[in-house]
Amino acid sequence: MTDQDGITSRDRALFEAGIKLGALYHQFMGTPVSMETASKLEAAIEKSVSLQPWVNHVKVRIDREKLRANANQFKYCELNGEMLDVMVVVTYERVEVHARISYDEDMKYPLMRIERITTL
């Protein structure tokens, strides 16, 4: 479906997926995290993002090896993009977008990308 400005449902679904990932990334980077709190932080991020319109699935994984490697003398560190792997599924009207944040080792960058677009 296209609105009066020529914006399609696909356009809106892609925009919404990008906004969700960008907001998640910038909201949670720097959050203190430890081996004991990682699963709780994953769940909190999932629940927070899932409250937003058109989100029908969120899966967050914090890399425990990278968390352990970055932990300070007090056994915690700050969440950073290298530790994060997030999948968000947004459905707007009849379009489903699967978007992801994960660390790209070659680029040395937490890359956000669209992985799949499906018309329902």
PDB file of N, CA and C in Angstrom:
ATOM      1  N   MET A   1       0.840  -1.180   0.000  1.00  0.00           N
ATOM      2  CA  MET A   1       0.000   0.000   0.000  1.00  0.00           C
ATOM      3  C   MET A   1       0.885   1.244   0.000  1.00  0.00           C
ATOM      4  N   THR A   2       0.511   2.240  -0.771  1.00  0.00           N
ATOM      5  CA  THR A   2       1.267   3.494  -0.876  1.00  0.00           C
ATOM      6  C   THR A   2       0.378   4.636  -0.414  1.00  0.00           C
ATOM      7  N   ASP A   3       0.949   5.541   0.407  1.00  0.00           N
ATOM      8  CA  ASP A   3       0.151   6.682   0.853  1.00  0.00           C
ATOM      9  C   ASP A   3       0.245   7.820  -0.170  1.00  0.00           C
ATOM     10  N   GLN A   4      -0.352   8.948   0.148  1.00  0.00           N
ATOM     11  CA  GLN A   4      -0.415  10.072  -0.795  1.00  0.00           C
ATOM     12  C   GLN A   4       0.953  10.658  -1.127  1.00  0.00           C
ATOM     13  N   ASP A   5       1.958  10.423  -0.295  1.00  0.00           N
ATOM     14  CA  ASP A   5       3.300  10.936  -0.552  1.00  0.00           C
ATOM     15  C   ASP A   5       4.194   9.910  -1.244  1.00  0.00           C
ATOM     16  N   GLY A   6       3.628   8.752  -1.611  1.00  0.00           N
ATOM     17  CA  GLY A   6       4.384   7.722  -2.297  1.00  0.00           C
ATOM     18  C   GLY A   6       5.183   6.811  -1.377  1.00  0.00           C
ATOM     19  N   ILE A   7       4.912   6.884  -0.078  1.00  0.00           N
ATOM     20  CA  ILE A   7       5.618   6.049   0.896  1.00  0.00           C
ATOM     21  C   ILE A   7       4.855   4.743   1.050  1.00  0.00           C
ATOM     22  N   THR A   8       5.559   3.643   0.862  1.00  0.00           N
ATOM     23  CA  THR A   8       4.912   2.327   0.909  1.00  0.00           C
ATOM     24  C   THR A   8       4.976   1.724   2.313  1.00  0.00           C
ATOM     25  N   SER A   9       4.203   0.678   2.502  1.00  0.00           N
ATOM     26  CA  SER A   9       4.256  -0.079   3.755  1.00  0.00           C
ATOM     27  C   SER A   9       5.658  -0.650   3.964  1.00  0.00           C
ATOM     28  N   ARG A  10       6.285  -1.077   2.886  1.00  0.00           N
ATOM     29  CA  ARG A  10       7.658  -1.585   2.953  1.00  0.00           C
ATOM     30  C   ARG A  10       8.613  -0.501   3.445  1.00  0.00           C
ATOM     31  N   ASP A  11       8.456   0.714   2.910  1.00  0.00           N
ATOM     32  CA  ASP A  11       9.283   1.843   3.359  1.00  0.00           C
ATOM     33  C   ASP A  11       9.121   2.062   4.864  1.00  0.00           C
ATOM     34  N   ARG A  12       7.887   2.069   5.311  1.00  0.00           N
ATOM     35  CA  ARG A  12       7.616   2.310   6.738  1.00  0.00           C
ATOM     36  C   ARG A  12       8.164   1.191   7.621  1.00  0.00           C
ATOM     37  N   ALA A  13       8.012  -0.051   7.176  1.00  0.00           N
ATOM     38  CA  ALA A  13       8.522  -1.186   7.952  1.00  0.00           C
ATOM     39  C   ALA A  13      10.044  -1.110   8.070  1.00  0.00           C
ATOM     40  N   LEU A  14      10.722  -0.779   6.975  1.00  0.00           N
ATOM     41  CA  LEU A  14      12.182  -0.648   7.004  1.00  0.00           C
ATOM     42  C   LEU A  14      12.610   0.501   7.921  1.00  0.00           C
ATOM     43  N   PHE A  15      11.930   1.616   7.824  1.00  0.00           N
ATOM     44  CA  PHE A  15      12.233   2.749   8.691  1.00  0.00           C
ATOM     45  C   PHE A  15      12.058   2.377  10.159  1.00  0.00           C
ATOM     46  N   GLU A  16      10.946   1.736  10.478  1.00  0.00           N
ATOM     47  CA  GLU A  16      10.676   1.347  11.864  1.00  0.00           C
ATOM     48  C   GLU A  16      11.739   0.392  12.394  1.00  0.00           C
ATOM     49  N   ALA A  17      12.163  -0.566  11.583  1.00  0.00           N
ATOM     50  CA  ALA A  17      13.203  -1.500  12.020  1.00  0.00           C
ATOM     51  C   ALA A  17      14.502  -0.754  12.318  1.00  0.00           C
ATOM     52  N   GLY A  18      14.878   0.168  11.439  1.00  0.00           N
ATOM     53  CA  GLY A  18      16.101   0.947  11.658  1.00  0.00           C
ATOM     54  C   GLY A  18      16.030   1.801  12.906  1.00  0.00           C
ATOM     55  N   ILE A  19      14.893   2.426  13.123  1.00  0.00           N
ATOM     56  CA  ILE A  19      14.710   3.261  14.320  1.00  0.00           C
ATOM     57  C   ILE A  19      14.811   2.418  15.586  1.00  0.00           C
ATOM     58  N   LYS A  20      14.217   1.240  15.565  1.00  0.00           N
ATOM     59  CA  LYS A  20      14.269   0.363  16.750  1.00  0.00           C
ATOM     60  C   LYS A  20      15.708   0.005  17.083  1.00  0.00           C
ATOM     61  N   LEU A  21      16.485  -0.394  16.069  1.00  0.00           N
ATOM     62  CA  LEU A  21      17.879  -0.770  16.317  1.00  0.00           C
ATOM     63  C   LEU A  21      18.705   0.415  16.793  1.00  0.00           C
ATOM     64  N   GLY A  22      18.544   1.561  16.158  1.00  0.00           N
ATOM     65  CA  GLY A  22      19.309   2.746  16.551  1.00  0.00           C
ATOM     66  C   GLY A  22      18.986   3.191  17.970  1.00  0.00           C
ATOM     67  N   ALA A  23      17.711   3.191  18.302  1.00  0.00           N
ATOM     68  CA  ALA A  23      17.302   3.583  19.656  1.00  0.00           C
ATOM     69  C   ALA A  23      17.852   2.613  20.690  1.00  0.00           C
ATOM     70  N   LEU A  24      17.722   1.317  20.416  1.00  0.00           N
ATOM     71  CA  LEU A  24      18.235   0.291  21.328  1.00  0.00           C
ATOM     72  C   LEU A  24      19.732   0.482  21.551  1.00  0.00           C
ATOM     73  N   TYR A  25      20.458   0.618  20.470  1.00  0.00           N
ATOM     74  CA  TYR A  25      21.913   0.737  20.565  1.00  0.00           C
ATOM     75  C   TYR A  25      22.317   1.936  21.424  1.00  0.00           C
ATOM     76  N   HIS A  26      21.768   3.077  21.121  1.00  0.00           N
ATOM     77  CA  HIS A  26      22.195   4.284  21.826  1.00  0.00           C
ATOM     78  C   HIS A  26      21.619   4.387  23.234  1.00  0.00           C
ATOM     79  N   GLN A  27      20.541   3.700  23.503  1.00  0.00           N
ATOM     80  CA  GLN A  27      19.979   3.705  24.857  1.00  0.00           C
ATOM     81  C   GLN A  27      20.786   2.835  25.811  1.00  0.00           C
ATOM     82  N   PHE A  28      21.278   1.689  25.350  1.00  0.00           N
ATOM     83  CA  PHE A  28      21.860   0.717  26.269  1.00  0.00           C
ATOM     84  C   PHE A  28      23.387   0.659  26.277  1.00  0.00           C
ATOM     85  N   MET A  29      24.062   1.259  25.307  1.00  0.00           N
ATOM     86  CA  MET A  29      25.531   1.244  25.340  1.00  0.00           C
ATOM     87  C   MET A  29      26.023   1.961  26.592  1.00  0.00           C
ATOM     88  N   GLY A  30      26.985   1.369  27.253  1.00  0.00           N
ATOM     89  CA  GLY A  30      27.519   1.936  28.486  1.00  0.00           C
ATOM     90  C   GLY A  30      26.851   1.424  29.742  1.00  0.00           C
ATOM     91  N   THR A  31      25.815   0.604  29.590  1.00  0.00           N
ATOM     92  CA  THR A  31      25.139   0.039  30.753  1.00  0.00           C
ATOM     93  C   THR A  31      26.081  -0.921  31.477  1.00  0.00           C
ATOM     94  N   PRO A  32      26.236  -0.785  32.785  1.00  0.00           N
ATOM     95  CA  PRO A  32      27.064  -1.737  33.523  1.00  0.00           C
ATOM     96  C   PRO A  32      26.481  -3.147  33.413  1.00  0.00           C
ATOM     97  N   VAL A  33      27.376  -4.131  33.166  1.00  0.00           N
ATOM     98  CA  VAL A  33      26.932  -5.506  33.013  1.00  0.00           C
ATOM     99  C   VAL A  33      28.007  -6.453  33.539  1.00  0.00           C
ATOM    100  N   SER A  34      27.565  -7.548  34.128  1.00  0.00           N
ATOM    101  CA  SER A  34      28.483  -8.574  34.644  1.00  0.00           C
ATOM    102  C   SER A  34      27.962  -9.932  34.191  1.00  0.00           C
ATOM    103  N   MET A  35      28.726 -10.954  34.479  1.00  0.00           N
ATOM    104  CA  MET A  35      28.279 -12.314  34.159  1.00  0.00           C
ATOM    105  C   MET A  35      26.968 -12.621  34.884  1.00  0.00           C
ATOM    106  N   GLU A  36      26.816 -12.093  36.086  1.00  0.00           N
ATOM    107  CA  GLU A  36      25.618 -12.357  36.887  1.00  0.00           C
ATOM    108  C   GLU A  36      24.396 -11.583  36.398  1.00  0.00           C
ATOM    109  N   THR A  37      24.612 -10.451  35.730  1.00  0.00           N
ATOM    110  CA  THR A  37      23.471  -9.623  35.314  1.00  0.00           C
ATOM    111  C   THR A  37      23.193  -9.662  33.810  1.00  0.00           C
ATOM    112  N   ALA A  38      24.034 -10.331  33.032  1.00  0.00           N
ATOM    113  CA  ALA A  38      23.895 -10.313  31.569  1.00  0.00           C
ATOM    114  C   ALA A  38      22.526 -10.826  31.112  1.00  0.00           C
ATOM    115  N   SER A  39      22.062 -11.928  31.666  1.00  0.00           N
ATOM    116  CA  SER A  39      20.767 -12.467  31.226  1.00  0.00           C
ATOM    117  C   SER A  39      19.622 -11.520  31.587  1.00  0.00           C
ATOM    118  N   LYS A  40      19.743 -10.849  32.722  1.00  0.00           N
ATOM    119  CA  LYS A  40      18.710  -9.881  33.112  1.00  0.00           C
ATOM    120  C   LYS A  40      18.723  -8.661  32.200  1.00  0.00           C
ATOM    121  N   LEU A  41      19.916  -8.227  31.803  1.00  0.00           N
ATOM    122  CA  LEU A  41      20.010  -7.094  30.879  1.00  0.00           C
ATOM    123  C   LEU A  41      19.466  -7.487  29.508  1.00  0.00           C
ATOM    124  N   GLU A  42      19.778  -8.695  29.040  1.00  0.00           N
ATOM    125  CA  GLU A  42      19.213  -9.167  27.771  1.00  0.00           C
ATOM    126  C   GLU A  42      17.684  -9.105  27.817  1.00  0.00           C
ATOM    127  N   ALA A  43      17.104  -9.619  28.893  1.00  0.00           N
ATOM    128  CA  ALA A  43      15.644  -9.637  29.036  1.00  0.00           C
ATOM    129  C   ALA A  43      15.078  -8.224  29.118  1.00  0.00           C
ATOM    130  N   ALA A  44      15.759  -7.332  29.831  1.00  0.00           N
ATOM    131  CA  ALA A  44      15.284  -5.953  29.959  1.00  0.00           C
ATOM    132  C   ALA A  44      15.295  -5.238  28.605  1.00  0.00           C
ATOM    133  N   ILE A  45      16.339  -5.450  27.822  1.00  0.00           N
ATOM    134  CA  ILE A  45      16.408  -4.842  26.495  1.00  0.00           C
ATOM    135  C   ILE A  45      15.288  -5.401  25.616  1.00  0.00           C
ATOM    136  N   GLU A  46      15.105  -6.711  25.642  1.00  0.00           N
ATOM    137  CA  GLU A  46      14.041  -7.334  24.850  1.00  0.00           C
ATOM    138  C   GLU A  46      12.677  -6.766  25.215  1.00  0.00           C
ATOM    139  N   LYS A  47      12.401  -6.679  26.495  1.00  0.00           N
ATOM    140  CA  LYS A  47      11.094  -6.184  26.941  1.00  0.00           C
ATOM    141  C   LYS A  47      10.914  -4.707  26.582  1.00  0.00           C
ATOM    142  N   SER A  48      11.960  -3.923  26.738  1.00  0.00           N
ATOM    143  CA  SER A  48      11.895  -2.499  26.417  1.00  0.00           C
ATOM    144  C   SER A  48      11.596  -2.272  24.939  1.00  0.00           C
ATOM    145  N   VAL A  49      12.330  -2.950  24.077  1.00  0.00           N
ATOM    146  CA  VAL A  49      12.135  -2.778  22.636  1.00  0.00           C
ATOM    147  C   VAL A  49      10.790  -3.340  22.193  1.00  0.00           C
ATOM    148  N   SER A  50      10.359  -4.432  22.803  1.00  0.00           N
ATOM    149  CA  SER A  50       9.094  -5.061  22.395  1.00  0.00           C
ATOM    150  C   SER A  50       7.878  -4.194  22.701  1.00  0.00           C
ATOM    151  N   LEU A  51       8.024  -3.181  23.543  1.00  0.00           N
ATOM    152  CA  LEU A  51       6.921  -2.270  23.842  1.00  0.00           C
ATOM    153  C   LEU A  51       6.610  -1.326  22.689  1.00  0.00           C
ATOM    154  N   GLN A  52       7.572  -1.129  21.798  1.00  0.00           N
ATOM    155  CA  GLN A  52       7.421  -0.158  20.721  1.00  0.00           C
ATOM    156  C   GLN A  52       6.465  -0.676  19.642  1.00  0.00           C
ATOM    157  N   PRO A  53       5.803   0.250  18.950  1.00  0.00           N
ATOM    158  CA  PRO A  53       4.842  -0.153  17.913  1.00  0.00           C
ATOM    159  C   PRO A  53       5.476  -1.018  16.828  1.00  0.00           C
ATOM    160  N   TRP A  54       4.719  -2.004  16.395  1.00  0.00           N
ATOM    161  CA  TRP A  54       5.021  -2.878  15.259  1.00  0.00           C
ATOM    162  C   TRP A  54       6.148  -3.877  15.513  1.00  0.00           C
ATOM    163  N   VAL A  55       6.676  -3.940  16.718  1.00  0.00           N
ATOM    164  CA  VAL A  55       7.695  -4.947  17.032  1.00  0.00           C
ATOM    165  C   VAL A  55       6.970  -6.228  17.422  1.00  0.00           C
ATOM    166  N   ASN A  56       7.294  -7.337  16.732  1.00  0.00           N
ATOM    167  CA  ASN A  56       6.652  -8.590  17.134  1.00  0.00           C
ATOM    168  C   ASN A  56       7.639  -9.635  17.632  1.00  0.00           C
ATOM    169  N   HIS A  57       8.945  -9.328  17.579  1.00  0.00           N
ATOM    170  CA  HIS A  57       9.930 -10.236  18.166  1.00  0.00           C
ATOM    171  C   HIS A  57      11.249  -9.497  18.368  1.00  0.00           C
ATOM    172  N   VAL A  58      11.888  -9.774  19.503  1.00  0.00           N
ATOM    173  CA  VAL A  58      13.219  -9.236  19.799  1.00  0.00           C
ATOM    174  C   VAL A  58      14.014 -10.336  20.485  1.00  0.00           C
ATOM    175  N   LYS A  59      15.242 -10.535  20.036  1.00  0.00           N
ATOM    176  CA  LYS A  59      16.144 -11.485  20.691  1.00  0.00           C
ATOM    177  C   LYS A  59      17.483 -10.789  20.884  1.00  0.00           C
ATOM    178  N   VAL A  60      17.938 -10.737  22.138  1.00  0.00           N
ATOM    179  CA  VAL A  60      19.197 -10.075  22.490  1.00  0.00           C
ATOM    180  C   VAL A  60      20.153 -11.107  23.061  1.00  0.00           C
ATOM    181  N   ARG A  61      21.394 -11.056  22.586  1.00  0.00           N
ATOM    182  CA  ARG A  61      22.443 -11.916  23.137  1.00  0.00           C
ATOM    183  C   ARG A  61      23.666 -11.059  23.420  1.00  0.00           C
ATOM    184  N   ILE A  62      24.146 -11.154  24.646  1.00  0.00           N
ATOM    185  CA  ILE A  62      25.393 -10.496  25.042  1.00  0.00           C
ATOM    186  C   ILE A  62      26.473 -11.564  25.069  1.00  0.00           C
ATOM    187  N   ASP A  63      27.543 -11.340  24.335  1.00  0.00           N
ATOM    188  CA  ASP A  63      28.637 -12.305  24.219  1.00  0.00           C
ATOM    189  C   ASP A  63      29.363 -12.405  25.567  1.00  0.00           C
ATOM    190  N   ARG A  64      29.216 -13.552  26.228  1.00  0.00           N
ATOM    191  CA  ARG A  64      29.801 -13.745  27.557  1.00  0.00           C
ATOM    192  C   ARG A  64      31.331 -13.761  27.515  1.00  0.00           C
ATOM    193  N   GLU A  65      31.912 -14.280  26.455  1.00  0.00           N
ATOM    194  CA  GLU A  65      33.380 -14.290  26.362  1.00  0.00           C
ATOM    195  C   GLU A  65      33.929 -12.868  26.300  1.00  0.00           C
ATOM    196  N   LYS A  66      33.285 -12.026  25.506  1.00  0.00           N
ATOM    197  CA  LYS A  66      33.735 -10.632  25.401  1.00  0.00           C
ATOM    198  C   LYS A  66      33.456  -9.872  26.694  1.00  0.00           C
ATOM    199  N   LEU A  67      32.350 -10.211  27.339  1.00  0.00           N
ATOM    200  CA  LEU A  67      32.038  -9.602  28.632  1.00  0.00           C
ATOM    201  C   LEU A  67      33.138  -9.953  29.643  1.00  0.00           C
ATOM    202  N   ARG A  68      33.481 -11.225  29.714  1.00  0.00           N
ATOM    203  CA  ARG A  68      34.520 -11.682  30.653  1.00  0.00           C
ATOM    204  C   ARG A  68      35.856 -11.013  30.340  1.00  0.00           C
ATOM    205  N   ALA A  69      36.192 -10.906  29.068  1.00  0.00           N
ATOM    206  CA  ALA A  69      37.474 -10.320  28.662  1.00  0.00           C
ATOM    207  C   ALA A  69      37.569  -8.833  28.993  1.00  0.00           C
ATOM    208  N   ASN A  70      36.423  -8.147  29.054  1.00  0.00           N
ATOM    209  CA  ASN A  70      36.407  -6.707  29.326  1.00  0.00           C
ATOM    210  C   ASN A  70      36.142  -6.366  30.792  1.00  0.00           C
ATOM    211  N   ALA A  71      35.858  -7.375  31.601  1.00  0.00           N
ATOM    212  CA  ALA A  71      35.509  -7.113  33.006  1.00  0.00           C
ATOM    213  C   ALA A  71      36.677  -6.486  33.757  1.00  0.00           C
ATOM    214  N   ASN A  72      36.342  -5.566  34.629  1.00  0.00           N
ATOM    215  CA  ASN A  72      37.361  -4.889  35.447  1.00  0.00           C
ATOM    216  C   ASN A  72      37.586  -5.649  36.759  1.00  0.00           C
ATOM    217  N   GLN A  73      38.342  -5.055  37.647  1.00  0.00           N
ATOM    218  CA  GLN A  73      38.652  -5.706  38.926  1.00  0.00           C
ATOM    219  C   GLN A  73      37.408  -5.955  39.783  1.00  0.00           C
ATOM    220  N   PHE A  74      36.318  -5.251  39.471  1.00  0.00           N
ATOM    221  CA  PHE A  74      35.076  -5.426  40.219  1.00  0.00           C
ATOM    222  C   PHE A  74      34.120  -6.400  39.527  1.00  0.00           C
ATOM    223  N   LYS A  75      34.628  -7.083  38.477  1.00  0.00           N
ATOM    224  CA  LYS A  75      33.919  -8.139  37.754  1.00  0.00           C
ATOM    225  C   LYS A  75      32.728  -7.641  36.932  1.00  0.00           C
ATOM    226  N   TYR A  76      32.808  -6.400  36.456  1.00  0.00           N
ATOM    227  CA  TYR A  76      31.802  -5.912  35.520  1.00  0.00           C
ATOM    228  C   TYR A  76      32.479  -5.017  34.494  1.00  0.00           C
ATOM    229  N   CYS A  77      31.745  -4.689  33.449  1.00  0.00           N
ATOM    230  CA  CYS A  77      32.219  -3.750  32.440  1.00  0.00           C
ATOM    231  C   CYS A  77      31.003  -3.002  31.895  1.00  0.00           C
ATOM    232  N   GLU A  78      31.233  -2.166  30.908  1.00  0.00           N
ATOM    233  CA  GLU A  78      30.137  -1.455  30.269  1.00  0.00           C
ATOM    234  C   GLU A  78      29.799  -2.167  28.963  1.00  0.00           C
ATOM    235  N   LEU A  79      28.515  -2.334  28.714  1.00  0.00           N
ATOM    236  CA  LEU A  79      28.067  -2.940  27.465  1.00  0.00           C
ATOM    237  C   LEU A  79      28.580  -2.112  26.293  1.00  0.00           C
ATOM    238  N   ASN A  80      29.145  -2.801  25.297  1.00  0.00           N
ATOM    239  CA  ASN A  80      29.578  -2.103  24.090  1.00  0.00           C
ATOM    240  C   ASN A  80      29.137  -2.890  22.858  1.00  0.00           C
ATOM    241  N   GLY A  81      29.248  -2.261  21.710  1.00  0.00           N
ATOM    242  CA  GLY A  81      28.764  -2.843  20.475  1.00  0.00           C
ATOM    243  C   GLY A  81      29.423  -4.140  20.094  1.00  0.00           C
ATOM    244  N   GLU A  82      30.625  -4.380  20.560  1.00  0.00           N
ATOM    245  CA  GLU A  82      31.329  -5.613  20.256  1.00  0.00           C
ATOM    246  C   GLU A  82      30.672  -6.820  20.926  1.00  0.00           C
ATOM    247  N   MET A  83      29.942  -6.592  22.018  1.00  0.00           N
ATOM    248  CA  MET A  83      29.326  -7.676  22.786  1.00  0.00           C
ATOM    249  C   MET A  83      27.915  -8.024  22.340  1.00  0.00           C
ATOM    250  N   LEU A  84      27.327  -7.193  21.513  1.00  0.00           N
ATOM    251  CA  LEU A  84      25.891  -7.252  21.277  1.00  0.00           C
ATOM    252  C   LEU A  84      25.519  -7.959  19.977  1.00  0.00           C
ATOM    253  N   ASP A  85      24.503  -8.818  20.061  1.00  0.00           N
ATOM    254  CA  ASP A  85      23.896  -9.440  18.885  1.00  0.00           C
ATOM    255  C   ASP A  85      22.388  -9.377  19.105  1.00  0.00           C
ATOM    256  N   VAL A  86      21.706  -8.588  18.281  1.00  0.00           N
ATOM    257  CA  VAL A  86      20.273  -8.350  18.471  1.00  0.00           C
ATOM    258  C   VAL A  86      19.536  -8.573  17.160  1.00  0.00           C
ATOM    259  N   MET A  87      18.431  -9.301  17.234  1.00  0.00           N
ATOM    260  CA  MET A  87      17.529  -9.467  16.101  1.00  0.00           C
ATOM    261  C   MET A  87      16.195  -8.835  16.475  1.00  0.00           C
ATOM    262  N   VAL A  88      15.680  -7.983  15.594  1.00  0.00           N
ATOM    263  CA  VAL A  88      14.378  -7.352  15.782  1.00  0.00           C
ATOM    264  C   VAL A  88      13.524  -7.680  14.569  1.00  0.00           C
ATOM    265  N   VAL A  89      12.284  -8.077  14.820  1.00  0.00           N
ATOM    266  CA  VAL A  89      11.340  -8.321  13.738  1.00  0.00           C
ATOM    267  C   VAL A  89      10.204  -7.307  13.881  1.00  0.00           C
ATOM    268  N   VAL A  90      10.017  -6.527  12.828  1.00  0.00           N
ATOM    269  CA  VAL A  90       8.979  -5.503  12.789  1.00  0.00           C
ATOM    270  C   VAL A  90       7.969  -5.895  11.713  1.00  0.00           C
ATOM    271  N   THR A  91       6.689  -5.803  12.042  1.00  0.00           N
ATOM    272  CA  THR A  91       5.649  -6.052  11.061  1.00  0.00           C
ATOM    273  C   THR A  91       4.788  -4.807  10.954  1.00  0.00           C
ATOM    274  N   TYR A  92       4.759  -4.250   9.751  1.00  0.00           N
ATOM    275  CA  TYR A  92       3.916  -3.083   9.484  1.00  0.00           C
ATOM    276  C   TYR A  92       2.995  -3.462   8.337  1.00  0.00           C
ATOM    277  N   GLU A  93       1.696  -3.414   8.618  1.00  0.00           N
ATOM    278  CA  GLU A  93       0.694  -3.875   7.674  1.00  0.00           C
ATOM    279  C   GLU A  93       1.067  -5.282   7.202  1.00  0.00           C
ATOM    280  N   ARG A  94       1.382  -5.495   5.940  1.00  0.00           N
ATOM    281  CA  ARG A  94       1.675  -6.855   5.458  1.00  0.00           C
ATOM    282  C   ARG A  94       3.154  -7.068   5.167  1.00  0.00           C
ATOM    283  N   VAL A  95       4.015  -6.233   5.744  1.00  0.00           N
ATOM    284  CA  VAL A  95       5.455  -6.351   5.509  1.00  0.00           C
ATOM    285  C   VAL A  95       6.166  -6.692   6.814  1.00  0.00           C
ATOM    286  N   GLU A  96       6.993  -7.730   6.766  1.00  0.00           N
ATOM    287  CA  GLU A  96       7.776  -8.140   7.925  1.00  0.00           C
ATOM    288  C   GLU A  96       9.259  -7.926   7.605  1.00  0.00           C
ATOM    289  N   VAL A  97       9.933  -7.210   8.513  1.00  0.00           N
ATOM    290  CA  VAL A  97      11.355  -6.918   8.343  1.00  0.00           C
ATOM    291  C   VAL A  97      12.130  -7.540   9.500  1.00  0.00           C
ATOM    292  N   HIS A  98      13.167  -8.283   9.160  1.00  0.00           N
ATOM    293  CA  HIS A  98      14.099  -8.843  10.134  1.00  0.00           C
ATOM    294  C   HIS A  98      15.365  -7.997  10.058  1.00  0.00           C
ATOM    295  N   ALA A  99      15.693  -7.321  11.156  1.00  0.00           N
ATOM    296  CA  ALA A  99      16.867  -6.454  11.193  1.00  0.00           C
ATOM    297  C   ALA A  99      17.770  -6.896  12.335  1.00  0.00           C
ATOM    298  N   ARG A 100      19.061  -6.612  12.200  1.00  0.00           N
ATOM    299  CA  ARG A 100      20.020  -7.129  13.175  1.00  0.00           C
ATOM    300  C   ARG A 100      21.145  -6.135  13.440  1.00  0.00           C
ATOM    301  N   ILE A 101      21.634  -6.173  14.682  1.00  0.00           N
ATOM    302  CA  ILE A 101      22.894  -5.543  15.064  1.00  0.00           C
ATOM    303  C   ILE A 101      23.809  -6.685  15.481  1.00  0.00           C
ATOM    304  N   SER A 102      24.983  -6.742  14.888  1.00  0.00           N
ATOM    305  CA  SER A 102      26.008  -7.666  15.365  1.00  0.00           C
ATOM    306  C   SER A 102      27.364  -7.099  14.970  1.00  0.00           C
ATOM    307  N   TYR A 103      28.365  -7.500  15.706  1.00  0.00           N
ATOM    308  CA  TYR A 103      29.700  -6.970  15.491  1.00  0.00           C
ATOM    309  C   TYR A 103      30.335  -7.611  14.270  1.00  0.00           C
ATOM    310  N   ASP A 104      30.794  -6.780  13.363  1.00  0.00           N
ATOM    311  CA  ASP A 104      31.483  -7.244  12.160  1.00  0.00           C
ATOM    312  C   ASP A 104      32.986  -7.176  12.432  1.00  0.00           C
ATOM    313  N   GLU A 105      33.606  -8.335  12.579  1.00  0.00           N
ATOM    314  CA  GLU A 105      35.037  -8.394  12.916  1.00  0.00           C
ATOM    315  C   GLU A 105      35.913  -7.742  11.845  1.00  0.00           C
ATOM    316  N   ASP A 106      35.574  -7.940  10.573  1.00  0.00           N
ATOM    317  CA  ASP A 106      36.376  -7.350   9.496  1.00  0.00           C
ATOM    318  C   ASP A 106      36.327  -5.827   9.526  1.00  0.00           C
ATOM    319  N   MET A 107      35.147  -5.286   9.780  1.00  0.00           N
ATOM    320  CA  MET A 107      34.981  -3.826   9.810  1.00  0.00           C
ATOM    321  C   MET A 107      35.335  -3.227  11.172  1.00  0.00           C
ATOM    322  N   LYS A 108      35.411  -4.096  12.210  1.00  0.00           N
ATOM    323  CA  LYS A 108      35.610  -3.638  13.593  1.00  0.00           C
ATOM    324  C   LYS A 108      34.515  -2.629  13.960  1.00  0.00           C
ATOM    325  N   TYR A 109      33.266  -3.066  13.702  1.00  0.00           N
ATOM    326  CA  TYR A 109      32.133  -2.147  13.845  1.00  0.00           C
ATOM    327  C   TYR A 109      30.853  -2.930  14.152  1.00  0.00           C
ATOM    328  N   PRO A 110      30.005  -2.411  15.068  1.00  0.00           N
ATOM    329  CA  PRO A 110      28.708  -3.049  15.332  1.00  0.00           C
ATOM    330  C   PRO A 110      27.725  -2.675  14.215  1.00  0.00           C
ATOM    331  N   LEU A 111      27.613  -3.525  13.230  1.00  0.00           N
ATOM    332  CA  LEU A 111      26.864  -3.231  12.013  1.00  0.00           C
ATOM    333  C   LEU A 111      25.375  -3.501  12.188  1.00  0.00           C
ATOM    334  N   MET A 112      24.571  -2.529  11.779  1.00  0.00           N
ATOM    335  CA  MET A 112      23.119  -2.694  11.745  1.00  0.00           C
ATOM    336  C   MET A 112      22.750  -2.975  10.294  1.00  0.00           C
ATOM    337  N   ARG A 113      21.882  -3.977  10.101  1.00  0.00           N
ATOM    338  CA  ARG A 113      21.540  -4.337   8.736  1.00  0.00           C
ATOM    339  C   ARG A 113      20.153  -4.988   8.667  1.00  0.00           C
ATOM    340  N   ILE A 114      19.587  -4.947   7.469  1.00  0.00           N
ATOM    341  CA  ILE A 114      18.352  -5.661   7.185  1.00  0.00           C
ATOM    342  C   ILE A 114      18.751  -7.053   6.715  1.00  0.00           C
ATOM    343  N   GLU A 115      18.167  -8.076   7.323  1.00  0.00           N
ATOM    344  CA  GLU A 115      18.489  -9.448   6.941  1.00  0.00           C
ATOM    345  C   GLU A 115      17.440 -10.075   6.034  1.00  0.00           C
ATOM    346  N   ARG A 116      16.185  -9.643   6.190  1.00  0.00           N
ATOM    347  CA  ARG A 116      15.125 -10.239   5.364  1.00  0.00           C
ATOM    348  C   ARG A 116      13.912  -9.332   5.355  1.00  0.00           C
ATOM    349  N   ILE A 117      13.245  -9.278   4.223  1.00  0.00           N
ATOM    350  CA  ILE A 117      11.980  -8.563   4.068  1.00  0.00           C
ATOM    351  C   ILE A 117      10.992  -9.543   3.454  1.00  0.00           C
ATOM    352  N   THR A 118       9.834  -9.693   4.087  1.00  0.00           N
ATOM    353  CA  THR A 118       8.829 -10.629   3.608  1.00  0.00           C
ATOM    354  C   THR A 118       7.490  -9.918   3.494  1.00  0.00           C
ATOM    355  N   THR A 119       6.772 -10.187   2.412  1.00  0.00           N
ATOM    356  CA  THR A 119       5.398  -9.699   2.282  1.00  0.00           C
ATOM    357  C   THR A 119       4.478 -10.817   2.766  1.00  0.00           C
ATOM    358  N   LEU A 120       3.661 -10.501   3.732  1.00  0.00           N
ATOM    359  CA  LEU A 120       2.763 -11.504   4.334  1.00  0.00           C
ATOM    360  C   LEU A 120       1.457 -11.626   3.563  1.00  0.00           C
TER     361      LEU A 120
END
